[in-house]
Amino acid sequence: MEGERLQNVLAHAGVASRRGAAAMIEAGRVTVDGIVVREPGARVDASSASIAVDGNRLGAAERKRTIMIYKPVGVLSSMSDPFGSRTVADLIRGQISERLVPVGRLDKDSEGLLLMSNDGDLTLKLTHPRYEHEKTYEVKVAGRWSREKLRILRSPVTMPDGYVIRPVPVDLIETGSDNTCLLRFRLREGRKRQIRYMCSAARLVVLSLKRVAVGSLRLPAELAPGEWRDLTKEELDGLLR
């Protein structure tokens, strides 16, 4: 059948991320021409099919919009939380008419650059493992420093689930007089809590973790925690190269 995958149609329309759209479809919340479709990969012609979510007809695709936001510590990089925690959706609520979703994740205890978008192609490019898009983090750690610890950080590390992380570039930015150091990590895999496990393997305690860049896009110095702005055309072009 010709057409586009149903989950992609929903993502491009800003209904949810591709993963969120797949969950909605599998839950039976989506109909195509009045028939419930539970297969996220089902192909549909969005220009002619009548697609509805929870009974509400899907309108024309929103204009594509991508913003950068400085996610503060303590805020979830999700659109909602059943336990009532603050999310990035709360930071933009009432200010943006488009339905944006986080591009990837940033741990609740971490801060820094997070993108939000309704552009499914951009989201795929930045989150799918095959593209290996680099993300840069500055991490303050506590613990007696040595060159041996830097060697461990630059070596393969086994995650709790048995997955072995490939070696990543780690650089020492500065050392403090109080047994603290500032490190720079450049990741292409981005496994959940990867940096924290790497530091634990080197017997270092993470005091703060801040994402400062996604690809060529850097977190602007003038952007304060909780603030956001739209990406420029030049910045978008840089991410899509």
Protein backbone atom coordinates (compact mmCIF):
# COMPACT_ATOMS: atom_id res chain seq x y z
CA MET A 1 0.00 0.00 0.00
CA GLU A 2 1.26 3.43 -0.89
CA GLY A 3 1.50 6.15 1.72
CA GLU A 4 3.27 6.97 4.96
CA ARG A 5 3.46 5.03 8.20
CA LEU A 6 0.60 5.97 10.49
CA GLN A 7 2.82 6.72 13.47
CA ASN A 8 4.85 9.11 11.30
CA VAL A 9 1.70 10.89 10.15
CA LEU A 10 0.73 11.52 13.78
CA ALA A 11 4.25 12.64 14.68
CA HIS A 12 4.45 15.03 11.74
CA ALA A 13 1.09 16.51 12.76
CA GLY A 14 2.49 17.22 16.21
CA VAL A 15 0.20 14.79 18.04
CA ALA A 16 3.07 13.04 19.84
CA SER A 17 6.58 11.73 19.33
CA ARG A 18 6.94 8.70 17.06
CA ARG A 19 7.15 6.45 20.11
CA GLY A 20 4.18 8.15 21.76
CA ALA A 21 2.18 7.92 18.54
CA ALA A 22 2.93 4.19 18.29
CA ALA A 23 1.64 3.69 21.84
CA MET A 24 -1.57 5.58 21.04
CA ILE A 25 -2.13 3.46 17.92
CA GLU A 26 -1.50 0.18 19.75
CA ALA A 27 -3.96 1.28 22.45
CA GLY A 28 -6.72 1.54 19.84
CA ARG A 29 -7.06 5.32 20.09
CA VAL A 30 -6.57 5.96 16.37
CA THR A 31 -9.00 5.35 13.51
CA VAL A 32 -8.48 5.57 9.75
CA ASP A 33 -11.69 6.12 7.78
CA GLY A 34 -13.66 5.08 10.85
CA ILE A 35 -11.77 1.83 11.42
CA VAL A 36 -9.51 1.29 14.44
CA VAL A 37 -5.93 0.63 13.36
CA ARG A 38 -3.54 -0.89 15.90
CA GLU A 39 -0.45 -1.27 13.71
CA PRO A 40 1.88 1.78 13.96
CA GLY A 41 3.53 0.84 10.66
CA ALA A 42 0.27 0.69 8.71
CA ARG A 43 0.58 2.85 5.62
CA VAL A 44 -2.01 5.54 4.97
CA ASP A 45 -2.47 8.34 2.48
CA ALA A 46 -2.67 11.33 4.80
CA SER A 47 -3.95 13.56 1.99
CA SER A 48 -7.14 11.54 1.49
CA ALA A 49 -7.70 9.38 4.59
CA SER A 50 -9.81 10.54 7.51
CA ILE A 51 -7.60 10.03 10.56
CA ALA A 52 -8.88 10.60 14.09
CA VAL A 53 -7.32 10.37 17.55
CA ASP A 54 -9.76 9.75 20.42
CA GLY A 55 -12.53 10.66 18.03
CA ASN A 56 -11.00 14.01 17.09
CA ARG A 57 -10.19 14.35 13.41
CA LEU A 58 -6.58 15.04 12.60
CA GLY A 59 -6.24 18.42 10.96
CA ALA A 60 -3.65 19.67 8.55
CA ALA A 61 -0.06 19.29 9.64
CA GLU A 62 1.17 22.13 11.82
CA ARG A 63 3.94 24.36 10.62
CA LYS A 64 7.23 22.87 11.66
CA ARG A 65 8.73 24.48 14.73
CA THR A 66 11.76 23.64 16.84
CA ILE A 67 12.87 25.38 20.01
CA MET A 68 15.81 25.04 22.36
CA ILE A 69 15.08 25.07 26.05
CA TYR A 70 17.39 25.17 29.06
CA LYS A 71 15.97 22.29 31.10
CA PRO A 72 16.54 22.94 34.80
CA VAL A 73 17.43 20.26 37.33
CA GLY A 74 14.30 18.63 38.74
CA VAL A 75 12.21 19.00 35.58
CA LEU A 76 11.25 15.91 33.54
CA SER A 77 11.92 15.89 29.81
CA SER A 78 8.43 14.57 29.07
CA MET A 79 5.03 16.05 28.29
CA SER A 80 3.28 14.82 31.45
CA ASP A 81 3.89 12.87 34.63
CA PRO A 82 1.28 10.73 36.44
CA PHE A 83 2.88 11.63 39.78
CA GLY A 84 2.58 15.38 39.23
CA SER A 85 6.25 16.23 38.73
CA ARG A 86 7.07 19.36 36.76
CA THR A 87 7.81 18.72 33.08
CA VAL A 88 9.23 20.72 30.17
CA ALA A 89 5.65 21.03 28.89
CA ASP A 90 4.97 23.23 31.93
CA LEU A 91 7.81 25.55 30.90
CA ILE A 92 6.16 26.43 27.57
CA ARG A 93 2.49 26.02 28.45
CA GLY A 94 0.36 28.90 27.17
CA GLN A 95 3.25 30.34 25.16
CA ILE A 96 3.36 28.03 22.12
CA SER A 97 0.37 26.98 20.01
CA GLU A 98 2.13 24.10 18.22
CA ARG A 99 2.25 20.70 19.89
CA LEU A 100 5.96 20.23 20.52
CA VAL A 101 7.54 17.16 22.08
CA PRO A 102 11.03 16.65 23.54
CA VAL A 103 13.70 15.49 21.11
CA GLY A 104 15.38 12.74 23.12
CA ARG A 105 15.70 12.86 26.89
CA LEU A 106 17.70 14.51 29.63
CA ASP A 107 17.59 12.98 33.12
CA LYS A 108 15.58 14.72 35.82
CA ASP A 109 18.77 15.31 37.81
CA SER A 110 20.56 16.79 34.79
CA GLU A 111 20.25 20.21 33.18
CA GLY A 112 21.04 21.95 29.95
CA LEU A 113 20.17 21.98 26.27
CA LEU A 114 17.00 20.15 25.23
CA LEU A 115 15.24 20.53 21.89
CA MET A 116 11.47 20.40 21.47
CA SER A 117 9.93 20.01 18.03
CA ASN A 118 7.02 18.85 15.92
CA ASP A 119 9.36 18.03 13.04
CA GLY A 120 9.39 14.24 12.79
CA ASP A 121 12.30 14.13 10.35
CA LEU A 122 14.48 16.26 12.62
CA THR A 123 13.53 14.20 15.65
CA LEU A 124 14.46 10.97 13.86
CA LYS A 125 17.78 12.42 12.70
CA LEU A 126 18.74 13.49 16.23
CA THR A 127 17.54 10.45 18.16
CA HIS A 128 17.98 7.34 15.99
CA PRO A 129 21.19 5.46 16.92
CA ARG A 130 22.24 5.03 13.29
CA TYR A 131 22.89 8.76 12.91
CA GLU A 132 25.19 8.86 15.97
CA HIS A 133 24.53 12.55 16.56
CA GLU A 134 27.09 13.86 19.05
CA LYS A 135 25.99 15.44 22.32
CA THR A 136 28.41 17.26 24.62
CA TYR A 137 28.19 17.40 28.41
CA GLU A 138 30.11 19.23 31.11
CA VAL A 139 30.18 17.24 34.33
CA LYS A 140 31.44 18.27 37.75
CA VAL A 141 32.64 15.30 39.78
CA ALA A 142 34.06 14.72 43.24
CA GLY A 143 36.81 12.25 44.06
CA ARG A 144 40.58 12.04 44.19
CA TRP A 145 41.74 12.60 40.61
CA SER A 146 44.35 10.58 38.72
CA ARG A 147 45.29 9.82 35.14
CA GLU A 148 44.13 6.27 35.81
CA LYS A 149 40.57 7.52 36.30
CA LEU A 150 40.69 9.30 32.97
CA ARG A 151 41.83 6.02 31.39
CA ILE A 152 38.84 4.22 32.92
CA LEU A 153 36.43 6.89 31.69
CA ARG A 154 37.81 6.54 28.18
CA SER A 155 37.51 2.73 28.24
CA PRO A 156 34.50 0.47 27.50
CA VAL A 157 32.11 0.37 30.47
CA THR A 158 29.52 -2.33 31.15
CA MET A 159 26.03 -1.01 31.95
CA PRO A 160 23.77 -2.73 34.54
CA ASP A 161 21.86 -4.47 31.73
CA GLY A 162 25.08 -5.97 30.39
CA TYR A 163 25.42 -3.60 27.44
CA VAL A 164 29.02 -2.53 26.87
CA ILE A 165 29.43 1.18 26.10
CA ARG A 166 31.94 1.96 23.40
CA PRO A 167 34.85 4.22 24.43
CA VAL A 168 33.94 7.92 24.23
CA PRO A 169 36.08 11.08 24.25
CA VAL A 170 36.46 12.45 27.78
CA ASP A 171 38.58 15.51 28.56
CA LEU A 172 39.66 17.10 31.82
CA ILE A 173 38.70 20.80 31.71
CA GLU A 174 39.89 21.86 35.15
CA THR A 175 40.64 20.55 38.64
CA GLY A 176 39.59 22.24 41.87
CA SER A 177 41.37 22.46 45.20
CA ASP A 178 38.52 20.57 46.90
CA ASN A 179 38.91 17.21 45.13
CA THR A 180 36.48 18.23 42.38
CA CYS A 181 37.03 18.23 38.62
CA LEU A 182 35.16 19.49 35.59
CA LEU A 183 35.04 16.98 32.74
CA ARG A 184 33.77 17.12 29.16
CA PHE A 185 32.05 14.07 27.65
CA ARG A 186 31.12 13.72 23.97
CA LEU A 187 28.57 10.95 23.46
CA ARG A 188 27.14 9.42 20.31
CA GLU A 189 25.26 6.47 21.87
CA GLY A 190 23.50 8.21 24.73
CA ARG A 191 22.41 5.24 26.86
CA LYS A 192 20.22 6.10 29.85
CA ARG A 193 22.35 7.48 32.72
CA GLN A 194 25.46 6.51 30.78
CA ILE A 195 27.71 9.25 32.13
CA ARG A 196 26.72 8.54 35.73
CA TYR A 197 27.60 4.85 35.33
CA MET A 198 30.90 5.76 33.67
CA CYS A 199 31.81 8.02 36.57
CA SER A 200 30.76 5.37 39.08
CA ALA A 201 33.12 2.90 37.38
CA ALA A 202 35.94 5.40 37.94
CA ARG A 203 34.85 5.92 41.58
CA LEU A 204 33.77 9.50 40.96
CA VAL A 205 30.60 11.12 42.29
CA VAL A 206 28.63 13.30 39.88
CA LEU A 207 27.81 16.66 41.46
CA SER A 208 26.29 18.27 38.37
CA LEU A 209 25.67 17.24 34.78
CA LYS A 210 24.92 19.77 32.05
CA ARG A 211 24.34 19.18 28.34
CA VAL A 212 26.01 22.09 26.55
CA ALA A 213 25.72 21.07 22.88
CA VAL A 214 23.82 18.92 20.42
CA GLY A 215 25.90 18.52 17.29
CA SER A 216 26.99 22.00 16.24
CA LEU A 217 24.26 23.66 18.34
CA ARG A 218 25.49 25.06 21.64
CA LEU A 219 23.52 26.18 24.68
CA PRO A 220 23.68 30.01 24.60
CA ALA A 221 25.23 31.68 27.62
CA GLU A 222 22.34 34.14 27.78
CA LEU A 223 19.69 31.41 28.12
CA ALA A 224 18.81 30.89 31.80
CA PRO A 225 17.34 27.68 33.28
CA GLY A 226 13.69 27.41 32.28
CA GLU A 227 14.03 29.81 29.34
CA TRP A 228 13.61 28.91 25.66
CA ARG A 229 13.84 30.36 22.17
CA ASP A 230 13.19 29.28 18.58
CA LEU A 231 16.04 27.89 16.53
CA THR A 232 17.22 30.02 13.64
CA LYS A 233 17.24 28.69 10.09
CA GLU A 234 21.03 28.51 10.24
CA GLU A 235 20.91 26.44 13.42
CA LEU A 236 18.35 24.05 11.92
CA ASP A 237 20.40 23.66 8.77
CA GLY A 238 23.45 22.87 10.90
CA LEU A 239 21.61 20.08 12.72
CA LEU A 240 20.34 18.51 9.52
CA ARG A 241 23.72 18.37 7.77
